[in-house]
Amino acid sequence: SIEEECKTKLSLFHGHVLTKNYDAAYEPWMYVRDNCPKLNIAIYKEGK
């Protein structure tokens, strides 16, 4: 369940980053970072 939620939120924050809506990206990004730190390198590249 956590992994599925991480994938959903990964897609969500990635979409916000593409539109430079960093405020909206912050919460789903932090969720993925805290719960699935090995899921995707985008956590660290886009987290910057």
All heavy atoms as atom14 arrays in JSON, in Angstrom:
{
  "sequence": "SIEEECKTKLSLFHGHVLTKNYDAAYEPWMYVRDNCPKLNIAIYKEGK",
  "atom14_mask": [
    [1, 1, 1, 1, 1, 1, 0, 0, 0, 0, 0, 0, 0, 0],
    [1, 1, 1, 1, 1, 1, 1, 1, 0, 0, 0, 0, 0, 0],
    [1, 1, 1, 1, 1, 1, 1, 1, 1, 0, 0, 0, 0, 0],
    [1, 1, 1, 1, 1, 1, 1, 1, 1, 0, 0, 0, 0, 0],
    [1, 1, 1, 1, 1, 1, 1, 1, 1, 0, 0, 0, 0, 0],
    [1, 1, 1, 1, 1, 1, 0, 0, 0, 0, 0, 0, 0, 0],
    [1, 1, 1, 1, 1, 1, 1, 1, 1, 0, 0, 0, 0, 0],
    [1, 1, 1, 1, 1, 1, 1, 0, 0, 0, 0, 0, 0, 0],
    [1, 1, 1, 1, 1, 1, 1, 1, 1, 0, 0, 0, 0, 0],
    [1, 1, 1, 1, 1, 1, 1, 1, 0, 0, 0, 0, 0, 0],
    [1, 1, 1, 1, 1, 1, 0, 0, 0, 0, 0, 0, 0, 0],
    [1, 1, 1, 1, 1, 1, 1, 1, 0, 0, 0, 0, 0, 0],
    [1, 1, 1, 1, 1, 1, 1, 1, 1, 1, 1, 0, 0, 0],
    [1, 1, 1, 1, 1, 1, 1, 1, 1, 1, 0, 0, 0, 0],
    [1, 1, 1, 1, 0, 0, 0, 0, 0, 0, 0, 0, 0, 0],
    [1, 1, 1, 1, 1, 1, 1, 1, 1, 1, 0, 0, 0, 0],
    [1, 1, 1, 1, 1, 1, 1, 0, 0, 0, 0, 0, 0, 0],
    [1, 1, 1, 1, 1, 1, 1, 1, 0, 0, 0, 0, 0, 0],
    [1, 1, 1, 1, 1, 1, 1, 0, 0, 0, 0, 0, 0, 0],
    [1, 1, 1, 1, 1, 1, 1, 1, 1, 0, 0, 0, 0, 0],
    [1, 1, 1, 1, 1, 1, 1, 1, 0, 0, 0, 0, 0, 0],
    [1, 1, 1, 1, 1, 1, 1, 1, 1, 1, 1, 1, 0, 0],
    [1, 1, 1, 1, 1, 1, 1, 1, 0, 0, 0, 0, 0, 0],
    [1, 1, 1, 1, 1, 0, 0, 0, 0, 0, 0, 0, 0, 0],
    [1, 1, 1, 1, 1, 0, 0, 0, 0, 0, 0, 0, 0, 0],
    [1, 1, 1, 1, 1, 1, 1, 1, 1, 1, 1, 1, 0, 0],
    [1, 1, 1, 1, 1, 1, 1, 1, 1, 0, 0, 0, 0, 0],
    [1, 1, 1, 1, 1, 1, 1, 0, 0, 0, 0, 0, 0, 0],
    [1, 1, 1, 1, 1, 1, 1, 1, 1, 1, 1, 1, 1, 1],
    [1, 1, 1, 1, 1, 1, 1, 1, 0, 0, 0, 0, 0, 0],
    [1, 1, 1, 1, 1, 1, 1, 1, 1, 1, 1, 1, 0, 0],
    [1, 1, 1, 1, 1, 1, 1, 0, 0, 0, 0, 0, 0, 0],
    [1, 1, 1, 1, 1, 1, 1, 1, 1, 1, 1, 0, 0, 0],
    [1, 1, 1, 1, 1, 1, 1, 1, 0, 0, 0, 0, 0, 0],
    [1, 1, 1, 1, 1, 1, 1, 1, 0, 0, 0, 0, 0, 0],
    [1, 1, 1, 1, 1, 1, 0, 0, 0, 0, 0, 0, 0, 0],
    [1, 1, 1, 1, 1, 1, 1, 0, 0, 0, 0, 0, 0, 0],
    [1, 1, 1, 1, 1, 1, 1, 1, 1, 0, 0, 0, 0, 0],
    [1, 1, 1, 1, 1, 1, 1, 1, 0, 0, 0, 0, 0, 0],
    [1, 1, 1, 1, 1, 1, 1, 1, 0, 0, 0, 0, 0, 0],
    [1, 1, 1, 1, 1, 1, 1, 1, 0, 0, 0, 0, 0, 0],
    [1, 1, 1, 1, 1, 0, 0, 0, 0, 0, 0, 0, 0, 0],
    [1, 1, 1, 1, 1, 1, 1, 1, 0, 0, 0, 0, 0, 0],
    [1, 1, 1, 1, 1, 1, 1, 1, 1, 1, 1, 1, 0, 0],
    [1, 1, 1, 1, 1, 1, 1, 1, 1, 0, 0, 0, 0, 0],
    [1, 1, 1, 1, 1, 1, 1, 1, 1, 0, 0, 0, 0, 0],
    [1, 1, 1, 1, 0, 0, 0, 0, 0, 0, 0, 0, 0, 0],
    [1, 1, 1, 1, 1, 1, 1, 1, 1, 0, 0, 0, 0, 0]
  ],
  "atom14_positions": [
    [[0.83, -1.2, 0.0], [0.0, 0.0, 0.0], [0.87, 1.26, 0.0], [0.6, 2.22, -0.73], [-0.92, -0.01, 1.22], [-1.64, 1.2, 1.31], [0.0, 0.0, 0.0], [0.0, 0.0, 0.0], [0.0, 0.0, 0.0], [0.0, 0.0, 0.0], [0.0, 0.0, 0.0], [0.0, 0.0, 0.0], [0.0, 0.0, 0.0], [0.0, 0.0, 0.0]],
    [[1.92, 1.24, 0.82], [2.86, 2.37, 0.89], [3.54, 2.57, -0.47], [3.65, 3.7, -0.97], [3.93, 2.13, 1.97], [3.31, 2.21, 3.36], [5.07, 3.15, 1.84], [2.92, 3.6, 3.81], [0.0, 0.0, 0.0], [0.0, 0.0, 0.0], [0.0, 0.0, 0.0], [0.0, 0.0, 0.0], [0.0, 0.0, 0.0], [0.0, 0.0, 0.0]],
    [[3.96, 1.46, -1.07], [4.67, 1.55, -2.35], [3.77, 2.12, -3.43], [4.2, 2.96, -4.25], [5.19, 0.17, -2.76], [6.05, 0.23, -4.02], [6.64, -1.12, -4.38], [6.52, -2.07, -3.58], [7.21, -1.22, -5.48], [0.0, 0.0, 0.0], [0.0, 0.0, 0.0], [0.0, 0.0, 0.0], [0.0, 0.0, 0.0], [0.0, 0.0, 0.0]],
    [[2.51, 1.67, -3.45], [1.56, 2.18, -4.43], [1.32, 3.68, -4.22], [1.22, 4.45, -5.17], [0.23, 1.42, -4.34], [0.3, -0.01, -4.88], [0.76, -0.06, -6.33], [0.26, 0.77, -7.14], [1.62, -0.89, -6.66], [0.0, 0.0, 0.0], [0.0, 0.0, 0.0], [0.0, 0.0, 0.0], [0.0, 0.0, 0.0], [0.0, 0.0, 0.0]],
    [[1.21, 4.06, -2.93], [1.0, 5.48, -2.61], [2.21, 6.3, -3.05], [2.07, 7.42, -3.56], [0.75, 5.64, -1.11], [0.46, 7.07, -0.67], [-0.9, 7.57, -1.13], [-1.67, 6.77, -1.69], [-1.17, 8.77, -0.95], [0.0, 0.0, 0.0], [0.0, 0.0, 0.0], [0.0, 0.0, 0.0], [0.0, 0.0, 0.0], [0.0, 0.0, 0.0]],
    [[3.41, 5.74, -2.85], [4.65, 6.42, -3.25], [4.67, 6.66, -4.76], [5.05, 7.74, -5.23], [5.87, 5.61, -2.85], [6.32, 5.75, -1.11], [0.0, 0.0, 0.0], [0.0, 0.0, 0.0], [0.0, 0.0, 0.0], [0.0, 0.0, 0.0], [0.0, 0.0, 0.0], [0.0, 0.0, 0.0], [0.0, 0.0, 0.0], [0.0, 0.0, 0.0]],
    [[4.26, 5.63, -5.52], [4.26, 5.76, -6.97], [3.28, 6.84, -7.42], [3.56, 7.61, -8.35], [3.91, 4.43, -7.62], [5.02, 3.39, -7.51], [4.61, 2.06, -8.13], [5.74, 1.03, -8.01], [5.34, -0.29, -8.58], [0.0, 0.0, 0.0], [0.0, 0.0, 0.0], [0.0, 0.0, 0.0], [0.0, 0.0, 0.0], [0.0, 0.0, 0.0]],
    [[2.13, 6.88, -6.75], [1.13, 7.9, -7.08], [1.66, 9.29, -6.79], [1.54, 10.21, -7.62], [-0.17, 7.67, -6.27], [-0.69, 6.37, -6.59], [-1.21, 8.73, -6.59], [0.0, 0.0, 0.0], [0.0, 0.0, 0.0], [0.0, 0.0, 0.0], [0.0, 0.0, 0.0], [0.0, 0.0, 0.0], [0.0, 0.0, 0.0], [0.0, 0.0, 0.0]],
    [[2.28, 9.44, -5.62], [2.79, 10.75, -5.22], [4.04, 11.13, -6.02], [4.31, 12.32, -6.24], [3.06, 10.79, -3.72], [1.78, 10.76, -2.89], [2.06, 10.96, -1.42], [0.77, 10.93, -0.59], [-0.12, 12.07, -0.9], [0.0, 0.0, 0.0], [0.0, 0.0, 0.0], [0.0, 0.0, 0.0], [0.0, 0.0, 0.0], [0.0, 0.0, 0.0]],
    [[4.81, 10.13, -6.46], [5.96, 10.41, -7.32], [5.49, 11.07, -8.62], [6.05, 12.08, -9.05], [6.7, 9.11, -7.64], [7.82, 9.19, -8.7], [8.99, 10.01, -8.17], [8.3, 7.8, -9.09], [0.0, 0.0, 0.0], [0.0, 0.0, 0.0], [0.0, 0.0, 0.0], [0.0, 0.0, 0.0], [0.0, 0.0, 0.0], [0.0, 0.0, 0.0]],
    [[4.45, 10.48, -9.21], [3.89, 11.04, -10.44], [3.33, 12.43, -10.19], [3.48, 13.34, -11.02], [2.79, 10.12, -10.97], [2.19, 10.66, -12.13], [0.0, 0.0, 0.0], [0.0, 0.0, 0.0], [0.0, 0.0, 0.0], [0.0, 0.0, 0.0], [0.0, 0.0, 0.0], [0.0, 0.0, 0.0], [0.0, 0.0, 0.0], [0.0, 0.0, 0.0]],
    [[2.72, 12.61, -9.01], [2.11, 13.89, -8.66], [3.16, 14.98, -8.52], [3.05, 16.06, -9.12], [1.32, 13.74, -7.36], [0.47, 14.94, -6.92], [-0.58, 15.27, -7.96], [-0.18, 14.65, -5.57], [0.0, 0.0, 0.0], [0.0, 0.0, 0.0], [0.0, 0.0, 0.0], [0.0, 0.0, 0.0], [0.0, 0.0, 0.0], [0.0, 0.0, 0.0]],
    [[4.21, 14.72, -7.73], [5.21, 15.79, -7.53], [6.01, 16.03, -8.81], [6.42, 17.16, -9.09], [6.1, 15.52, -6.31], [7.31, 14.65, -6.51], [8.39, 15.05, -7.28], [7.41, 13.42, -5.86], [9.52, 14.26, -7.42], [8.53, 12.61, -6.0], [9.6, 13.04, -6.79], [0.0, 0.0, 0.0], [0.0, 0.0, 0.0], [0.0, 0.0, 0.0]],
    [[6.21, 14.99, -9.61], [6.92, 15.17, -10.87], [6.16, 16.11, -11.79], [6.75, 17.0, -12.44], [7.12, 13.81, -11.55], [7.74, 13.91, -12.92], [9.03, 14.34, -13.13], [7.22, 13.64, -14.15], [9.31, 14.32, -14.43], [8.22, 13.91, -15.07], [0.0, 0.0, 0.0], [0.0, 0.0, 0.0], [0.0, 0.0, 0.0], [0.0, 0.0, 0.0]],
    [[4.84, 15.96, -11.84], [4.01, 16.84, -12.66], [4.09, 18.28, -12.19], [4.17, 19.2, -13.01], [0.0, 0.0, 0.0], [0.0, 0.0, 0.0], [0.0, 0.0, 0.0], [0.0, 0.0, 0.0], [0.0, 0.0, 0.0], [0.0, 0.0, 0.0], [0.0, 0.0, 0.0], [0.0, 0.0, 0.0], [0.0, 0.0, 0.0], [0.0, 0.0, 0.0]],
    [[4.08, 18.49, -10.87], [4.19, 19.85, -10.33], [5.56, 20.46, -10.62], [5.66, 21.66, -10.91], [3.95, 19.84, -8.82], [2.51, 19.59, -8.44], [1.46, 20.27, -9.01], [1.95, 18.74, -7.52], [0.32, 19.86, -8.48], [0.59, 18.92, -7.57], [0.0, 0.0, 0.0], [0.0, 0.0, 0.0], [0.0, 0.0, 0.0], [0.0, 0.0, 0.0]],
    [[6.59, 19.64, -10.57], [7.94, 20.15, -10.86], [8.03, 20.6, -12.31], [8.64, 21.63, -12.62], [9.01, 19.07, -10.56], [10.37, 19.46, -11.14], [9.14, 18.86, -9.05], [0.0, 0.0, 0.0], [0.0, 0.0, 0.0], [0.0, 0.0, 0.0], [0.0, 0.0, 0.0], [0.0, 0.0, 0.0], [0.0, 0.0, 0.0], [0.0, 0.0, 0.0]],
    [[7.41, 19.83, -13.21], [7.45, 20.19, -14.64], [6.83, 21.56, -14.88], [7.25, 22.3, -15.78], [6.73, 19.13, -15.47], [7.43, 17.77, -15.62], [6.57, 16.81, -16.42], [8.81, 17.93, -16.28], [0.0, 0.0, 0.0], [0.0, 0.0, 0.0], [0.0, 0.0, 0.0], [0.0, 0.0, 0.0], [0.0, 0.0, 0.0], [0.0, 0.0, 0.0]],
    [[5.83, 21.92, -14.09], [5.18, 23.23, -14.23], [5.75, 24.27, -13.26], [5.2, 25.35, -13.12], [3.67, 23.1, -13.99], [3.42, 22.59, -12.67], [3.03, 22.18, -15.02], [0.0, 0.0, 0.0], [0.0, 0.0, 0.0], [0.0, 0.0, 0.0], [0.0, 0.0, 0.0], [0.0, 0.0, 0.0], [0.0, 0.0, 0.0], [0.0, 0.0, 0.0]],
    [[6.83, 23.87, -12.58], [7.52, 24.74, -11.62], [6.63, 25.18, -10.46], [6.8, 26.24, -9.87], [8.12, 25.98, -12.32], [9.15, 25.61, -13.4], [9.87, 26.83, -13.9], [10.8, 26.5, -15.06], [11.81, 25.48, -14.73], [0.0, 0.0, 0.0], [0.0, 0.0, 0.0], [0.0, 0.0, 0.0], [0.0, 0.0, 0.0], [0.0, 0.0, 0.0]],
    [[5.64, 24.35, -10.13], [4.77, 24.6, -8.98], [5.4, 23.87, -7.78], [4.89, 22.83, -7.33], [3.35, 24.11, -9.26], [2.37, 24.53, -8.18], [2.76, 25.11, -7.16], [1.09, 24.24, -8.4], [0.0, 0.0, 0.0], [0.0, 0.0, 0.0], [0.0, 0.0, 0.0], [0.0, 0.0, 0.0], [0.0, 0.0, 0.0], [0.0, 0.0, 0.0]],
    [[6.47, 24.42, -7.28], [7.26, 23.73, -6.25], [6.53, 23.64, -4.91], [6.74, 22.68, -4.16], [8.61, 24.42, -6.08], [9.47, 24.34, -7.32], [9.86, 25.5, -7.99], [9.89, 23.11, -7.82], [10.65, 25.42, -9.14], [10.68, 23.03, -8.97], [11.06, 24.2, -9.62], [11.82, 24.12, -10.75], [0.0, 0.0, 0.0], [0.0, 0.0, 0.0]],
    [[5.69, 24.62, -4.61], [4.94, 24.56, -3.35], [4.03, 23.35, -3.33], [3.94, 22.62, -2.32], [4.11, 25.84, -3.17], [4.97, 27.02, -2.73], [6.07, 26.77, -2.2], [4.56, 28.17, -2.94], [0.0, 0.0, 0.0], [0.0, 0.0, 0.0], [0.0, 0.0, 0.0], [0.0, 0.0, 0.0], [0.0, 0.0, 0.0], [0.0, 0.0, 0.0]],
    [[3.33, 23.12, -4.44], [2.42, 21.97, -4.52], [3.19, 20.65, -4.55], [2.69, 19.62, -4.09], [1.54, 22.09, -5.77], [0.0, 0.0, 0.0], [0.0, 0.0, 0.0], [0.0, 0.0, 0.0], [0.0, 0.0, 0.0], [0.0, 0.0, 0.0], [0.0, 0.0, 0.0], [0.0, 0.0, 0.0], [0.0, 0.0, 0.0], [0.0, 0.0, 0.0]],
    [[4.41, 20.7, -5.06], [5.23, 19.48, -5.17], [5.78, 19.04, -3.82], [6.08, 17.85, -3.62], [6.37, 19.7, -6.15], [0.0, 0.0, 0.0], [0.0, 0.0, 0.0], [0.0, 0.0, 0.0], [0.0, 0.0, 0.0], [0.0, 0.0, 0.0], [0.0, 0.0, 0.0], [0.0, 0.0, 0.0], [0.0, 0.0, 0.0], [0.0, 0.0, 0.0]],
    [[5.92, 19.98, -2.89], [6.65, 19.71, -1.65], [6.06, 18.55, -0.84], [6.79, 17.64, -0.44], [6.72, 20.97, -0.79], [7.55, 20.79, 0.46], [8.94, 20.77, 0.4], [6.94, 20.61, 1.7], [9.71, 20.59, 1.54], [7.69, 20.42, 2.85], [9.08, 20.42, 2.76], [9.84, 20.23, 3.9], [0.0, 0.0, 0.0], [0.0, 0.0, 0.0]],
    [[4.76, 18.57, -0.58], [4.16, 17.54, 0.3], [4.26, 16.13, -0.29], [4.75, 15.22, 0.37], [2.69, 17.92, 0.6], [2.0, 16.99, 1.59], [1.47, 15.69, 0.95], [1.04, 15.75, -0.23], [1.53, 14.63, 1.59], [0.0, 0.0, 0.0], [0.0, 0.0, 0.0], [0.0, 0.0, 0.0], [0.0, 0.0, 0.0], [0.0, 0.0, 0.0]],
    [[3.82, 15.91, -1.55], [3.95, 14.55, -2.09], [5.42, 14.13, -2.23], [5.74, 12.94, -2.07], [3.26, 14.64, -3.45], [3.2, 16.09, -3.8], [3.12, 16.81, -2.49], [0.0, 0.0, 0.0], [0.0, 0.0, 0.0], [0.0, 0.0, 0.0], [0.0, 0.0, 0.0], [0.0, 0.0, 0.0], [0.0, 0.0, 0.0], [0.0, 0.0, 0.0]],
    [[6.28, 15.08, -2.53], [7.71, 14.76, -2.64], [8.27, 14.28, -1.3], [8.99, 13.27, -1.24], [8.49, 15.99, -3.14], [9.97, 15.83, -3.02], [10.78, 15.03, -3.76], [10.82, 16.48, -2.07], [12.09, 15.14, -3.36], [12.14, 16.03, -2.31], [10.61, 17.41, -1.06], [13.24, 16.47, -1.58], [11.7, 17.86, -0.32], [12.99, 17.38, -0.58]],
    [[7.92, 14.99, -0.22], [8.41, 14.6, 1.11], [7.88, 13.22, 1.51], [8.59, 12.43, 2.15], [8.01, 15.64, 2.16], [8.92, 16.86, 2.2], [10.65, 16.47, 2.67], [10.45, 15.98, 4.37], [0.0, 0.0, 0.0], [0.0, 0.0, 0.0], [0.0, 0.0, 0.0], [0.0, 0.0, 0.0], [0.0, 0.0, 0.0], [0.0, 0.0, 0.0]],
    [[6.66, 12.93, 1.12], [6.09, 11.62, 1.44], [6.92, 10.52, 0.78], [7.29, 9.52, 1.43], [4.63, 11.54, 0.96], [3.98, 10.2, 1.26], [3.3, 9.99, 2.46], [4.07, 9.13, 0.36], [2.72, 8.75, 2.75], [3.51, 7.9, 0.64], [2.83, 7.71, 1.84], [2.28, 6.48, 2.13], [0.0, 0.0, 0.0], [0.0, 0.0, 0.0]],
    [[7.22, 10.69, -0.5], [8.01, 9.68, -1.22], [9.42, 9.6, -0.64], [9.96, 8.51, -0.44], [8.07, 10.01, -2.72], [8.9, 8.96, -3.47], [6.68, 10.08, -3.32], [0.0, 0.0, 0.0], [0.0, 0.0, 0.0], [0.0, 0.0, 0.0], [0.0, 0.0, 0.0], [0.0, 0.0, 0.0], [0.0, 0.0, 0.0], [0.0, 0.0, 0.0]],
    [[9.99, 10.74, -0.37], [11.36, 10.78, 0.18], [11.44, 10.05, 1.51], [12.4, 9.3, 1.76], [11.79, 12.24, 0.34], [13.17, 12.44, 0.94], [13.4, 13.91, 1.23], [14.68, 14.16, 1.88], [15.04, 15.32, 2.4], [14.21, 16.36, 2.33], [16.22, 15.46, 3.0], [0.0, 0.0, 0.0], [0.0, 0.0, 0.0], [0.0, 0.0, 0.0]],
    [[10.45, 10.23, 2.38], [10.47, 9.62, 3.72], [10.12, 8.13, 3.68], [10.67, 7.35, 4.47], [9.48, 10.35, 4.64], [9.95, 11.75, 5.01], [11.17, 12.02, 4.88], [9.11, 12.57, 5.41], [0.0, 0.0, 0.0], [0.0, 0.0, 0.0], [0.0, 0.0, 0.0], [0.0, 0.0, 0.0], [0.0, 0.0, 0.0], [0.0, 0.0, 0.0]],
    [[9.21, 7.76, 2.79], [8.7, 6.39, 2.82], [9.31, 5.45, 1.79], [9.33, 4.24, 2.01], [7.17, 6.42, 2.64], [6.46, 7.02, 3.82], [6.29, 6.38, 4.86], [6.04, 8.28, 3.69], [0.0, 0.0, 0.0], [0.0, 0.0, 0.0], [0.0, 0.0, 0.0], [0.0, 0.0, 0.0], [0.0, 0.0, 0.0], [0.0, 0.0, 0.0]],
    [[9.78, 5.99, 0.68], [10.34, 5.13, -0.39], [11.62, 5.76, -0.94], [11.67, 6.15, -2.12], [9.32, 4.94, -1.51], [7.69, 4.41, -0.97], [0.0, 0.0, 0.0], [0.0, 0.0, 0.0], [0.0, 0.0, 0.0], [0.0, 0.0, 0.0], [0.0, 0.0, 0.0], [0.0, 0.0, 0.0], [0.0, 0.0, 0.0], [0.0, 0.0, 0.0]],
    [[12.64, 5.93, -0.13], [13.85, 6.66, -0.55], [14.61, 6.04, -1.71], [15.42, 6.72, -2.35], [14.7, 6.67, 0.72], [14.24, 5.48, 1.51], [12.78, 5.39, 1.24], [0.0, 0.0, 0.0], [0.0, 0.0, 0.0], [0.0, 0.0, 0.0], [0.0, 0.0, 0.0], [0.0, 0.0, 0.0], [0.0, 0.0, 0.0], [0.0, 0.0, 0.0]],
    [[14.34, 4.75, -2.0], [15.04, 4.09, -3.1], [14.19, 3.97, -4.37], [14.6, 3.34, -5.34], [15.46, 2.67, -2.68], [16.46, 2.63, -1.53], [16.83, 1.18, -1.21], [17.82, 1.1, -0.06], [18.19, -0.31, 0.24], [0.0, 0.0, 0.0], [0.0, 0.0, 0.0], [0.0, 0.0, 0.0], [0.0, 0.0, 0.0], [0.0, 0.0, 0.0]],
    [[13.02, 4.59, -4.36], [12.08, 4.38, -5.46], [12.58, 4.91, -6.79], [12.51, 4.22, -7.81], [10.73, 5.05, -5.12], [9.63, 4.89, -6.16], [9.28, 3.42, -6.36], [8.38, 5.68, -5.75], [0.0, 0.0, 0.0], [0.0, 0.0, 0.0], [0.0, 0.0, 0.0], [0.0, 0.0, 0.0], [0.0, 0.0, 0.0], [0.0, 0.0, 0.0]],
    [[13.12, 6.15, -6.81], [13.49, 6.77, -8.09], [14.5, 7.9, -7.84], [14.37, 8.66, -6.86], [12.24, 7.33, -8.78], [12.48, 7.67, -10.24], [13.29, 8.53, -10.56], [11.77, 6.98, -11.13], [0.0, 0.0, 0.0], [0.0, 0.0, 0.0], [0.0, 0.0, 0.0], [0.0, 0.0, 0.0], [0.0, 0.0, 0.0], [0.0, 0.0, 0.0]],
    [[15.49, 8.01, -8.71], [16.51, 9.06, -8.57], [15.89, 10.45, -8.66], [16.46, 11.44, -8.19], [17.61, 8.89, -9.64], [18.79, 9.85, -9.4], [17.04, 9.1, -11.04], [19.54, 9.61, -8.13], [0.0, 0.0, 0.0], [0.0, 0.0, 0.0], [0.0, 0.0, 0.0], [0.0, 0.0, 0.0], [0.0, 0.0, 0.0], [0.0, 0.0, 0.0]],
    [[14.68, 10.55, -9.23], [14.0, 11.85, -9.34], [13.75, 12.48, -7.97], [13.65, 13.7, -7.85], [12.67, 11.68, -10.08], [0.0, 0.0, 0.0], [0.0, 0.0, 0.0], [0.0, 0.0, 0.0], [0.0, 0.0, 0.0], [0.0, 0.0, 0.0], [0.0, 0.0, 0.0], [0.0, 0.0, 0.0], [0.0, 0.0, 0.0], [0.0, 0.0, 0.0]],
    [[13.65, 11.64, -6.94], [13.47, 12.16, -5.57], [14.58, 13.16, -5.26], [14.34, 14.21, -4.65], [13.51, 11.01, -4.54], [12.38, 10.02, -4.8], [13.45, 11.55, -3.11], [12.52, 8.72, -4.02], [0.0, 0.0, 0.0], [0.0, 0.0, 0.0], [0.0, 0.0, 0.0], [0.0, 0.0, 0.0], [0.0, 0.0, 0.0], [0.0, 0.0, 0.0]],
    [[15.79, 12.89, -5.71], [16.96, 13.69, -5.37], [17.28, 14.74, -6.44], [17.65, 15.87, -6.11], [18.15, 12.76, -5.11], [17.75, 11.71, -4.1], [17.35, 10.43, -4.5], [17.66, 12.04, -2.74], [16.91, 9.5, -3.58], [17.22, 11.12, -1.81], [16.83, 9.85, -2.23], [16.37, 8.94, -1.32], [0.0, 0.0, 0.0], [0.0, 0.0, 0.0]],
    [[17.06, 14.37, -7.69], [17.32, 15.33, -8.76], [16.28, 16.45, -8.75], [16.62, 17.63, -8.83], [17.34, 14.64, -10.13], [18.57, 13.75, -10.34], [18.65, 13.24, -11.77], [19.91, 12.43, -12.01], [21.15, 13.21, -11.88], [0.0, 0.0, 0.0], [0.0, 0.0, 0.0], [0.0, 0.0, 0.0], [0.0, 0.0, 0.0], [0.0, 0.0, 0.0]],
    [[15.0, 16.09, -8.65], [13.95, 17.1, -8.66], [13.76, 17.72, -7.28], [13.26, 18.85, -7.17], [12.65, 16.48, -9.17], [12.77, 16.02, -10.62], [11.48, 15.49, -11.22], [10.46, 15.42, -10.48], [11.49, 15.14, -12.41], [0.0, 0.0, 0.0], [0.0, 0.0, 0.0], [0.0, 0.0, 0.0], [0.0, 0.0, 0.0], [0.0, 0.0, 0.0]],
    [[14.19, 17.0, -6.25], [14.12, 17.56, -4.9], [14.99, 18.78, -4.74], [14.69, 19.69, -3.96], [0.0, 0.0, 0.0], [0.0, 0.0, 0.0], [0.0, 0.0, 0.0], [0.0, 0.0, 0.0], [0.0, 0.0, 0.0], [0.0, 0.0, 0.0], [0.0, 0.0, 0.0], [0.0, 0.0, 0.0], [0.0, 0.0, 0.0], [0.0, 0.0, 0.0]],
    [[16.06, 18.84, -5.5], [16.95, 20.01, -5.47], [16.17, 21.28, -5.81], [16.26, 22.29, -5.09], [18.1, 19.8, -6.46], [19.03, 21.0, -6.62], [20.17, 20.64, -7.58], [21.12, 21.81, -7.8], [20.53, 22.89, -8.61], [0.0, 0.0, 0.0], [0.0, 0.0, 0.0], [0.0, 0.0, 0.0], [0.0, 0.0, 0.0], [0.0, 0.0, 0.0]]
  ]
}
